[in-house]
Amino acid sequence: WEKEQAMLDDVVGDASKKNLRGGGNKNNNNNNDWEARKREDERKIAAFKARKMAEEQRKHQQLEENQQHQRIHEKQEQREKSFRNNLGDTHPLLKPENGLSMESALEKLRSSTDKLSVIDPLPPQQQLSNDILPTRFHVFADLKTPYVVGRDTPFFWHIPRSGGVVVKTMLSHCLGQTLAAEVGELDGHDKDSEIKVISFSEHNYTNVNIATPQGITRALNLGLVPAHLSDTLVSAHVDLIPSLYNANDRARAFTVFRHPIDRAASMFYFLQGTGYPPLKNMTIDDYAKSPLIENNWLVRILSESMTGPINMDNLEIAKEVLRRKFIVGLLDNKRGSFARFDHYFKWKESPKYEKEFGCRKQLMDEKYVPKHPIRKDSDTWKLLLEQNRFDVHLYDFAKELFSQQS
């Protein structure tokens, strides 16, 4: 650009000399033309300088990105080398020489670094001990034990934006079940002093709201589960629901999974559609970069690590909870999922099963087409993946479980 500036200066200089040689004989029009050409030359010089500065900034940014990628690669190699060197018959956190109690080991697991922006989750060293299962899930019946109708109470873990409404509709409308869900405290029933069944929109519910922590506390005080008035409990609070069960009244848990990237996108557009103020002027990419987005919510809630960093051991704990305690369904396979739930919970024996077959068929055949699909491997997909990397691995495991449980 210095050469171009020099050439433009020569042009300006030649024009100035010509104008001087013309002396006072140049008319006003020629003077105006000269001024216009001069301004145009100056504008071109300024534009060229701006383009050159932008190019230099772009090169500098590219250099920084390359250096960052190199650092990421080096850290990943170090992590892989560490995993290879530490392979053994016992999980390193539980080796006797470490002198760690189980409680201390769990605490160390929770405080480990979660570098989601640096690496993909690596394969675990080995399956964690069953004893490391969070104690809250001990009141969830193991799948290896037979289910007896009327003894254990089914619990549907309603993962938000994953087809839970379809399942609740099937249970209440098609099978005529009495649900403990979120509507039981309407019409003043939050003031009831004892547990009972109420009717709402021609469907039956117990008079509790287990969609909130406060409602779960009230349900516990009223003795929701021991009363055996609810056919199924429905809540997203898989972390708090276990408090309602005990060794004599266990939960039989089931859930439906949706791909975490699709779930994250659906969550954004749903919240934005409700008028949630922080998302009003956000794009989904902005949301993915903000602290408002969920970070590996599934793995965190199952491994009791809702805050702080998480790592591969949290993923293994979440897998163990699913493997031992949950009948798994997939939103992408509603028909197969419903058939599995029917068989396991013996809902086919319900007197309404055959009568309401049309109701169930309509729900199973209903195709959901997302309004805002996210193309795989697009920039938006990658941003959402950054926040849900462990959940994607858990989803892949859930798909394996779905095949195994068949």
Protein backbone atom coordinates (compact mmCIF):
# COMPACT_ATOMS: atom_id res chain seq x y z
CA TRP A 1 0.00 0.00 0.00
CA GLU A 2 3.00 2.29 0.44
CA LYS A 3 3.84 1.88 -3.23
CA GLU A 4 0.27 2.64 -4.22
CA GLN A 5 0.23 5.67 -1.94
CA ALA A 6 3.47 6.92 -3.57
CA MET A 7 1.93 6.49 -7.03
CA LEU A 8 -1.17 8.37 -5.94
CA ASP A 9 1.02 11.12 -4.45
CA ASP A 10 2.80 11.41 -7.82
CA VAL A 11 -0.56 11.79 -9.50
CA VAL A 12 -1.57 14.45 -7.04
CA GLY A 13 1.82 16.17 -7.45
CA ASP A 14 1.62 16.18 -11.27
CA ALA A 15 -1.86 17.63 -11.14
CA SER A 16 -0.66 20.33 -8.74
CA LYS A 17 2.21 21.26 -11.05
CA LYS A 18 -0.09 21.46 -14.06
CA ASN A 19 -2.43 23.66 -12.11
CA LEU A 20 0.46 25.95 -11.10
CA ARG A 21 1.69 26.20 -14.71
CA GLY A 22 -1.77 27.22 -15.73
CA GLY A 23 -1.59 30.05 -13.22
CA GLY A 24 -4.63 32.21 -12.94
CA ASN A 25 -5.82 31.22 -16.39
CA LYS A 26 -7.55 28.07 -15.04
CA ASN A 27 -11.23 28.63 -14.68
CA ASN A 28 -13.31 27.70 -11.66
CA ASN A 29 -14.62 24.53 -13.32
CA ASN A 30 -11.09 23.13 -13.71
CA ASN A 31 -10.37 23.97 -10.08
CA ASN A 32 -13.53 22.16 -9.00
CA ASP A 33 -12.56 19.13 -11.08
CA TRP A 34 -9.15 19.07 -9.44
CA GLU A 35 -10.63 19.25 -5.95
CA ALA A 36 -13.05 16.42 -6.78
CA ARG A 37 -10.22 14.23 -8.14
CA LYS A 38 -8.13 14.98 -5.07
CA ARG A 39 -10.95 13.96 -2.71
CA GLU A 40 -11.52 10.79 -4.71
CA ASP A 41 -7.80 9.95 -4.53
CA GLU A 42 -7.79 10.50 -0.77
CA ARG A 43 -10.88 8.30 -0.40
CA LYS A 44 -9.20 5.49 -2.34
CA ILE A 45 -6.08 5.74 -0.19
CA ALA A 46 -8.15 5.57 3.03
CA ALA A 47 -10.14 2.58 1.74
CA PHE A 48 -6.98 0.76 0.73
CA LYS A 49 -5.44 1.36 4.16
CA ALA A 50 -8.60 0.03 5.84
CA ARG A 51 -8.56 -3.12 3.71
CA LYS A 52 -4.91 -3.67 4.48
CA MET A 53 -5.49 -3.25 8.22
CA ALA A 54 -8.40 -5.69 8.12
CA GLU A 55 -6.23 -8.21 6.29
CA GLU A 56 -3.50 -7.89 8.91
CA GLN A 57 -6.06 -8.40 11.70
CA ARG A 58 -7.41 -11.49 9.97
CA LYS A 59 -3.92 -12.97 9.64
CA HIS A 60 -3.23 -12.24 13.31
CA GLN A 61 -6.50 -13.90 14.36
CA GLN A 62 -5.73 -16.94 12.19
CA LEU A 63 -2.31 -17.22 13.80
CA GLU A 64 -3.87 -17.16 17.28
CA GLU A 65 -6.41 -19.84 16.27
CA ASN A 66 -3.64 -22.08 14.92
CA GLN A 67 -1.70 -21.68 18.16
CA GLN A 68 -4.84 -22.52 20.17
CA HIS A 69 -5.45 -25.65 18.07
CA GLN A 70 -1.85 -26.68 18.67
CA ARG A 71 -2.26 -26.26 22.44
CA ILE A 72 -5.48 -28.30 22.33
CA HIS A 73 -3.75 -31.06 20.39
CA GLU A 74 -0.87 -31.15 22.87
CA LYS A 75 -3.24 -31.32 25.86
CA GLN A 76 -5.19 -34.14 24.25
CA GLU A 77 -2.00 -36.10 23.63
CA GLN A 78 -0.99 -35.60 27.26
CA ARG A 79 -4.42 -36.81 28.46
CA GLU A 80 -4.27 -39.90 26.24
CA LYS A 81 -0.74 -40.67 27.40
CA SER A 82 -1.85 -40.32 31.00
CA PHE A 83 -4.74 -42.74 30.45
CA ARG A 84 -2.45 -45.29 28.79
CA ASN A 85 0.09 -45.08 31.59
CA ASN A 86 -2.50 -45.45 34.35
CA LEU A 87 -4.40 -48.44 32.98
CA GLY A 88 -4.76 -51.16 35.59
CA ASP A 89 -7.13 -53.58 37.25
CA THR A 90 -8.48 -51.01 39.70
CA HIS A 91 -9.81 -47.54 39.16
CA PRO A 92 -6.94 -45.19 40.18
CA LEU A 93 -9.14 -43.22 42.56
CA LEU A 94 -10.02 -46.39 44.44
CA LYS A 95 -6.57 -47.97 44.67
CA PRO A 96 -5.65 -48.86 48.28
CA GLU A 97 -2.38 -46.95 48.15
CA ASN A 98 -4.29 -43.73 47.61
CA GLY A 99 -5.81 -44.13 51.08
CA LEU A 100 -9.17 -42.75 49.90
CA SER A 101 -12.51 -43.68 51.39
CA MET A 102 -15.42 -44.12 48.99
CA GLU A 103 -16.79 -40.74 50.07
CA SER A 104 -13.43 -39.06 49.44
CA ALA A 105 -13.15 -40.78 46.07
CA LEU A 106 -16.54 -39.47 45.07
CA GLU A 107 -15.58 -35.98 46.15
CA LYS A 108 -12.43 -36.20 44.07
CA LEU A 109 -14.47 -37.34 41.09
CA ARG A 110 -16.68 -34.30 41.43
CA SER A 111 -13.75 -31.91 41.62
CA SER A 112 -11.94 -33.25 38.55
CA THR A 113 -11.45 -30.97 35.58
CA ASP A 114 -14.08 -30.84 32.83
CA LYS A 115 -12.31 -29.52 29.72
CA LEU A 116 -15.16 -29.88 27.27
CA SER A 117 -13.66 -27.32 24.90
CA VAL A 118 -10.35 -29.18 24.82
CA ILE A 119 -11.06 -32.87 24.29
CA ASP A 120 -13.69 -35.40 23.47
CA PRO A 121 -14.49 -37.75 26.35
CA LEU A 122 -12.02 -40.62 26.24
CA PRO A 123 -12.92 -44.27 26.86
CA PRO A 124 -13.10 -45.05 30.60
CA GLN A 125 -10.28 -46.98 32.17
CA GLN A 126 -12.76 -49.63 33.27
CA GLN A 127 -16.29 -49.87 34.57
CA LEU A 128 -16.67 -48.24 37.96
CA SER A 129 -17.68 -50.31 40.95
CA ASN A 130 -21.42 -50.68 41.48
CA ASP A 131 -20.89 -49.33 45.00
CA ILE A 132 -20.20 -45.92 43.50
CA LEU A 133 -23.84 -45.64 42.41
CA PRO A 134 -25.37 -42.54 44.07
CA THR A 135 -27.17 -43.64 47.22
CA ARG A 136 -30.35 -41.77 46.29
CA PHE A 137 -31.00 -44.34 43.57
CA HIS A 138 -30.94 -47.29 45.99
CA VAL A 139 -34.73 -46.88 46.36
CA PHE A 140 -35.09 -47.45 42.61
CA ALA A 141 -35.66 -51.14 42.02
CA ASP A 142 -33.01 -53.01 40.04
CA LEU A 143 -34.25 -54.21 36.67
CA LYS A 144 -32.98 -57.70 37.41
CA THR A 145 -35.67 -58.08 40.07
CA PRO A 146 -39.19 -58.92 38.86
CA TYR A 147 -41.82 -56.20 38.76
CA VAL A 148 -44.95 -56.92 40.78
CA VAL A 149 -48.02 -54.80 40.03
CA GLY A 150 -49.19 -52.93 43.12
CA ARG A 151 -45.94 -53.27 45.05
CA ASP A 152 -43.49 -50.95 43.28
CA THR A 153 -44.76 -47.64 41.86
CA PRO A 154 -43.68 -46.67 38.33
CA PHE A 155 -41.82 -43.40 37.95
CA PHE A 156 -41.52 -41.69 34.58
CA TRP A 157 -38.48 -39.41 34.40
CA HIS A 158 -39.77 -36.62 32.17
CA ILE A 159 -36.65 -35.31 30.44
CA PRO A 160 -37.66 -31.81 29.22
CA ARG A 161 -38.28 -31.43 25.48
CA SER A 162 -38.02 -35.18 24.90
CA GLY A 163 -41.56 -36.35 24.24
CA GLY A 164 -42.71 -36.48 27.83
CA VAL A 165 -46.09 -34.94 27.03
CA VAL A 166 -46.79 -37.82 24.65
CA VAL A 167 -46.05 -40.36 27.39
CA LYS A 168 -48.21 -38.54 29.94
CA THR A 169 -51.06 -38.37 27.43
CA MET A 170 -50.77 -42.08 26.80
CA LEU A 171 -50.86 -42.85 30.53
CA SER A 172 -53.73 -40.56 31.48
CA HIS A 173 -55.90 -40.42 28.34
CA CYS A 174 -55.32 -43.82 26.76
CA LEU A 175 -54.74 -46.06 29.79
CA GLY A 176 -56.85 -44.06 32.25
CA GLN A 177 -54.15 -44.01 34.91
CA THR A 178 -54.15 -41.81 37.99
CA LEU A 179 -51.00 -39.69 37.74
CA ALA A 180 -48.99 -37.74 40.25
CA ALA A 181 -47.74 -34.90 38.09
CA GLU A 182 -47.90 -31.10 37.99
CA VAL A 183 -51.65 -30.41 37.91
CA GLY A 184 -52.78 -31.93 41.19
CA GLU A 185 -52.61 -28.70 43.20
CA LEU A 186 -54.92 -26.71 40.89
CA ASP A 187 -58.31 -25.47 42.03
CA GLY A 188 -57.10 -24.95 45.59
CA HIS A 189 -55.98 -28.54 46.22
CA ASP A 190 -52.59 -27.28 47.40
CA LYS A 191 -54.41 -26.61 50.70
CA ASP A 192 -55.57 -30.24 51.11
CA SER A 193 -54.36 -31.84 54.32
CA GLU A 194 -54.48 -35.44 53.09
CA ILE A 195 -53.64 -37.30 49.92
CA LYS A 196 -56.56 -38.08 47.62
CA VAL A 197 -57.55 -38.52 43.98
CA ILE A 198 -59.07 -35.58 42.13
CA SER A 199 -60.52 -35.15 38.66
CA PHE A 200 -59.18 -32.55 36.26
CA SER A 201 -60.38 -32.27 32.64
CA GLU A 202 -62.00 -35.71 33.02
CA HIS A 203 -58.73 -37.36 34.03
CA ASN A 204 -57.54 -38.50 37.45
CA TYR A 205 -54.62 -37.13 39.44
CA THR A 206 -53.44 -37.18 43.02
CA ASN A 207 -53.60 -33.77 44.68
CA VAL A 208 -49.89 -32.98 44.54
CA ASN A 209 -47.49 -31.14 42.24
CA ILE A 210 -44.23 -33.06 41.98
CA ALA A 211 -42.84 -30.81 39.25
CA THR A 212 -41.30 -28.49 41.87
CA PRO A 213 -39.06 -29.05 44.91
CA GLN A 214 -41.70 -27.49 47.16
CA GLY A 215 -44.36 -29.76 45.71
CA ILE A 216 -42.20 -32.83 46.24
CA THR A 217 -41.69 -31.88 49.89
CA ARG A 218 -45.46 -31.56 50.32
CA ALA A 219 -46.00 -34.93 48.60
CA LEU A 220 -43.51 -36.51 51.00
CA ASN A 221 -45.32 -35.06 54.01
CA LEU A 222 -48.66 -36.33 52.70
CA GLY A 223 -47.26 -39.83 52.14
CA LEU A 224 -47.84 -39.92 48.36
CA VAL A 225 -46.10 -43.18 47.53
CA PRO A 226 -47.11 -45.29 50.60
CA ALA A 227 -50.75 -44.38 49.91
CA HIS A 228 -50.56 -46.22 46.55
CA LEU A 229 -53.18 -43.93 45.00
CA SER A 230 -51.01 -43.02 41.99
CA ASP A 231 -50.46 -45.46 39.17
CA THR A 232 -47.41 -43.53 37.94
CA LEU A 233 -45.35 -40.59 39.19
CA VAL A 234 -44.17 -38.09 36.55
CA SER A 235 -41.43 -35.52 37.13
CA ALA A 236 -38.21 -34.09 35.72
CA HIS A 237 -36.71 -34.04 39.22
CA VAL A 238 -35.00 -37.42 39.15
CA ASP A 239 -32.67 -35.96 41.77
CA LEU A 240 -35.46 -35.29 44.29
CA ILE A 241 -38.11 -37.92 43.51
CA PRO A 242 -36.18 -40.70 45.32
CA SER A 243 -37.04 -38.98 48.62
CA LEU A 244 -40.66 -40.09 48.09
CA TYR A 245 -39.73 -43.79 47.96
CA ASN A 246 -38.30 -46.15 50.56
CA ALA A 247 -37.05 -49.71 50.92
CA ASN A 248 -40.62 -51.04 51.09
CA ASP A 249 -42.07 -48.81 48.38
CA ARG A 250 -39.55 -48.74 45.55
CA ALA A 251 -39.65 -46.93 42.23
CA ARG A 252 -39.76 -48.67 38.86
CA ALA A 253 -38.15 -46.07 36.64
CA PHE A 254 -38.52 -45.50 32.91
CA THR A 255 -37.75 -42.61 30.58
CA VAL A 256 -37.59 -41.49 26.94
CA PHE A 257 -34.40 -40.07 25.43
CA ARG A 258 -34.02 -37.55 22.63
CA HIS A 259 -30.76 -36.63 20.93
CA PRO A 260 -29.18 -33.96 23.18
CA ILE A 261 -28.45 -31.56 20.31
CA ASP A 262 -32.07 -31.65 19.14
CA ARG A 263 -33.20 -31.31 22.75
CA ALA A 264 -30.97 -28.28 23.34
CA ALA A 265 -32.26 -26.55 20.19
CA SER A 266 -35.85 -27.32 21.14
CA MET A 267 -35.25 -25.92 24.63
CA PHE A 268 -33.95 -22.63 23.18
CA TYR A 269 -36.85 -22.08 20.80
CA PHE A 270 -39.38 -23.14 23.43
CA LEU A 271 -38.03 -20.69 26.03
CA GLN A 272 -37.74 -17.93 23.47
CA GLY A 273 -41.31 -18.59 22.37
CA THR A 274 -42.55 -18.15 25.94
CA GLY A 275 -41.10 -14.63 25.96
CA TYR A 276 -38.26 -15.44 28.35
CA PRO A 277 -36.59 -11.97 28.51
CA PRO A 278 -32.88 -12.98 28.41
CA LEU A 279 -33.45 -14.88 25.15
CA LYS A 280 -35.57 -12.22 23.44
CA ASN A 281 -32.86 -10.91 21.10
CA MET A 282 -30.58 -13.95 21.12
CA THR A 283 -29.78 -16.27 18.25
CA ILE A 284 -29.34 -19.95 18.98
CA ASP A 285 -25.59 -19.49 18.49
CA ASP A 286 -25.61 -16.73 21.11
CA TYR A 287 -27.53 -19.07 23.42
CA ALA A 288 -25.00 -21.86 22.90
CA LYS A 289 -22.17 -19.52 23.93
CA SER A 290 -24.01 -18.09 26.93
CA PRO A 291 -24.25 -19.36 30.53
CA LEU A 292 -28.01 -19.79 29.99
CA ILE A 293 -27.63 -23.07 28.11
CA GLU A 294 -27.69 -26.37 29.99
CA ASN A 295 -24.32 -28.06 30.25
CA ASN A 296 -24.54 -31.86 30.07
CA TRP A 297 -27.70 -31.80 32.16
CA LEU A 298 -28.41 -35.53 31.87
CA VAL A 299 -25.01 -36.70 33.07
CA ARG A 300 -24.87 -34.07 35.78
CA ILE A 301 -28.24 -34.86 37.35
CA LEU A 302 -27.66 -38.62 37.30
CA SER A 303 -24.16 -38.33 38.78
CA GLU A 304 -25.09 -35.73 41.42
CA SER A 305 -22.82 -33.07 39.91
CA MET A 306 -25.08 -30.18 38.98
CA THR A 307 -22.33 -27.63 39.61
CA GLY A 308 -18.60 -27.61 39.05
CA PRO A 309 -16.56 -29.60 36.54
CA ILE A 310 -17.36 -33.14 35.41
CA ASN A 311 -15.33 -35.82 33.66
CA MET A 312 -15.51 -39.34 32.27
CA ASP A 313 -16.22 -40.87 35.66
CA ASN A 314 -19.42 -38.85 35.91
CA LEU A 315 -20.43 -40.31 32.57
CA GLU A 316 -19.75 -43.82 33.85
CA ILE A 317 -21.86 -43.20 36.95
CA ALA A 318 -24.73 -41.95 34.78
CA LYS A 319 -24.43 -45.03 32.57
CA GLU A 320 -24.55 -47.31 35.60
CA VAL A 321 -27.71 -45.62 36.88
CA LEU A 322 -29.41 -46.15 33.52
CA ARG A 323 -28.18 -49.72 33.12
CA ARG A 324 -29.38 -50.89 36.52
CA LYS A 325 -32.41 -48.72 37.20
CA PHE A 326 -34.17 -47.54 34.01
CA ILE A 327 -36.27 -49.01 31.25
CA VAL A 328 -35.13 -46.89 28.31
CA GLY A 329 -37.25 -45.56 25.47
CA LEU A 330 -36.30 -43.45 22.45
CA LEU A 331 -38.29 -40.60 20.97
CA ASP A 332 -37.15 -41.72 17.53
CA ASN A 333 -38.83 -45.09 18.15
CA LYS A 334 -42.08 -44.34 19.96
CA ARG A 335 -43.81 -47.51 18.82
CA GLY A 336 -41.03 -49.76 20.08
CA SER A 337 -40.70 -47.75 23.29
CA PHE A 338 -44.42 -47.89 24.10
CA ALA A 339 -44.52 -51.60 23.36
CA ARG A 340 -41.65 -52.13 25.80
CA PHE A 341 -43.34 -50.10 28.54
CA ASP A 342 -46.59 -52.01 27.93
CA HIS A 343 -44.84 -55.33 28.33
CA TYR A 344 -42.69 -54.48 31.35
CA PHE A 345 -45.40 -52.76 33.38
CA LYS A 346 -48.12 -55.20 32.25
CA TRP A 347 -50.29 -52.38 30.96
CA LYS A 348 -51.73 -54.76 28.42
CA GLU A 349 -53.71 -56.23 31.29
CA SER A 350 -55.50 -52.91 31.80
CA PRO A 351 -59.24 -53.12 30.96
CA LYS A 352 -58.87 -49.96 28.86
CA TYR A 353 -55.93 -51.27 26.82
CA GLU A 354 -57.92 -52.76 23.93
CA LYS A 355 -60.69 -50.18 24.16
CA GLU A 356 -58.29 -47.26 23.81
CA PHE A 357 -56.05 -48.80 21.15
CA GLY A 358 -56.97 -46.04 18.71
CA CYS A 359 -55.83 -43.43 21.21
CA ARG A 360 -52.46 -45.12 21.60
CA LYS A 361 -52.05 -45.72 17.87
CA GLN A 362 -52.61 -42.04 17.15
CA LEU A 363 -49.87 -41.08 19.60
CA MET A 364 -47.47 -43.71 18.29
CA ASP A 365 -48.01 -42.79 14.62
CA GLU A 366 -47.83 -39.04 15.15
CA LYS A 367 -44.77 -37.72 13.35
CA TYR A 368 -42.96 -34.77 14.86
CA VAL A 369 -41.12 -32.52 12.43
CA PRO A 370 -38.91 -29.96 14.22
CA LYS A 371 -39.60 -26.36 13.24
CA HIS A 372 -35.94 -25.45 13.55
CA PRO A 373 -33.82 -28.46 12.53
CA ILE A 374 -30.08 -28.22 13.19
CA ARG A 375 -27.94 -29.59 10.39
CA LYS A 376 -25.37 -32.06 11.69
CA ASP A 377 -21.79 -30.75 11.74
CA SER A 378 -22.96 -27.19 11.09
CA ASP A 379 -21.44 -24.39 13.17
CA THR A 380 -24.56 -24.32 15.35
CA TRP A 381 -24.42 -28.08 15.83
CA LYS A 382 -20.80 -27.85 16.95
CA LEU A 383 -21.58 -25.06 19.42
CA LEU A 384 -24.39 -27.09 20.97
CA LEU A 385 -22.19 -30.19 20.99
CA GLU A 386 -19.59 -28.28 23.00
CA GLN A 387 -22.13 -27.93 25.81
CA ASN A 388 -23.56 -31.46 25.53
CA ARG A 389 -20.59 -33.66 24.71
CA PHE A 390 -21.01 -36.04 27.66
CA ASP A 391 -24.79 -36.16 27.19
CA VAL A 392 -24.29 -37.24 23.57
CA HIS A 393 -22.17 -40.15 24.79
CA LEU A 394 -24.85 -41.02 27.33
CA TYR A 395 -27.47 -40.91 24.56
CA ASP A 396 -25.39 -43.33 22.48
CA PHE A 397 -25.26 -45.63 25.52
CA ALA A 398 -29.05 -45.31 25.92
CA LYS A 399 -29.46 -46.50 22.34
CA GLU A 400 -27.31 -49.53 23.13
CA LEU A 401 -29.43 -50.19 26.22
CA PHE A 402 -32.59 -49.94 24.14
CA SER A 403 -31.32 -52.78 21.97
CA GLN A 404 -30.11 -54.86 24.91
CA GLN A 405 -33.33 -54.48 26.89
CA SER A 406 -35.41 -55.72 23.98
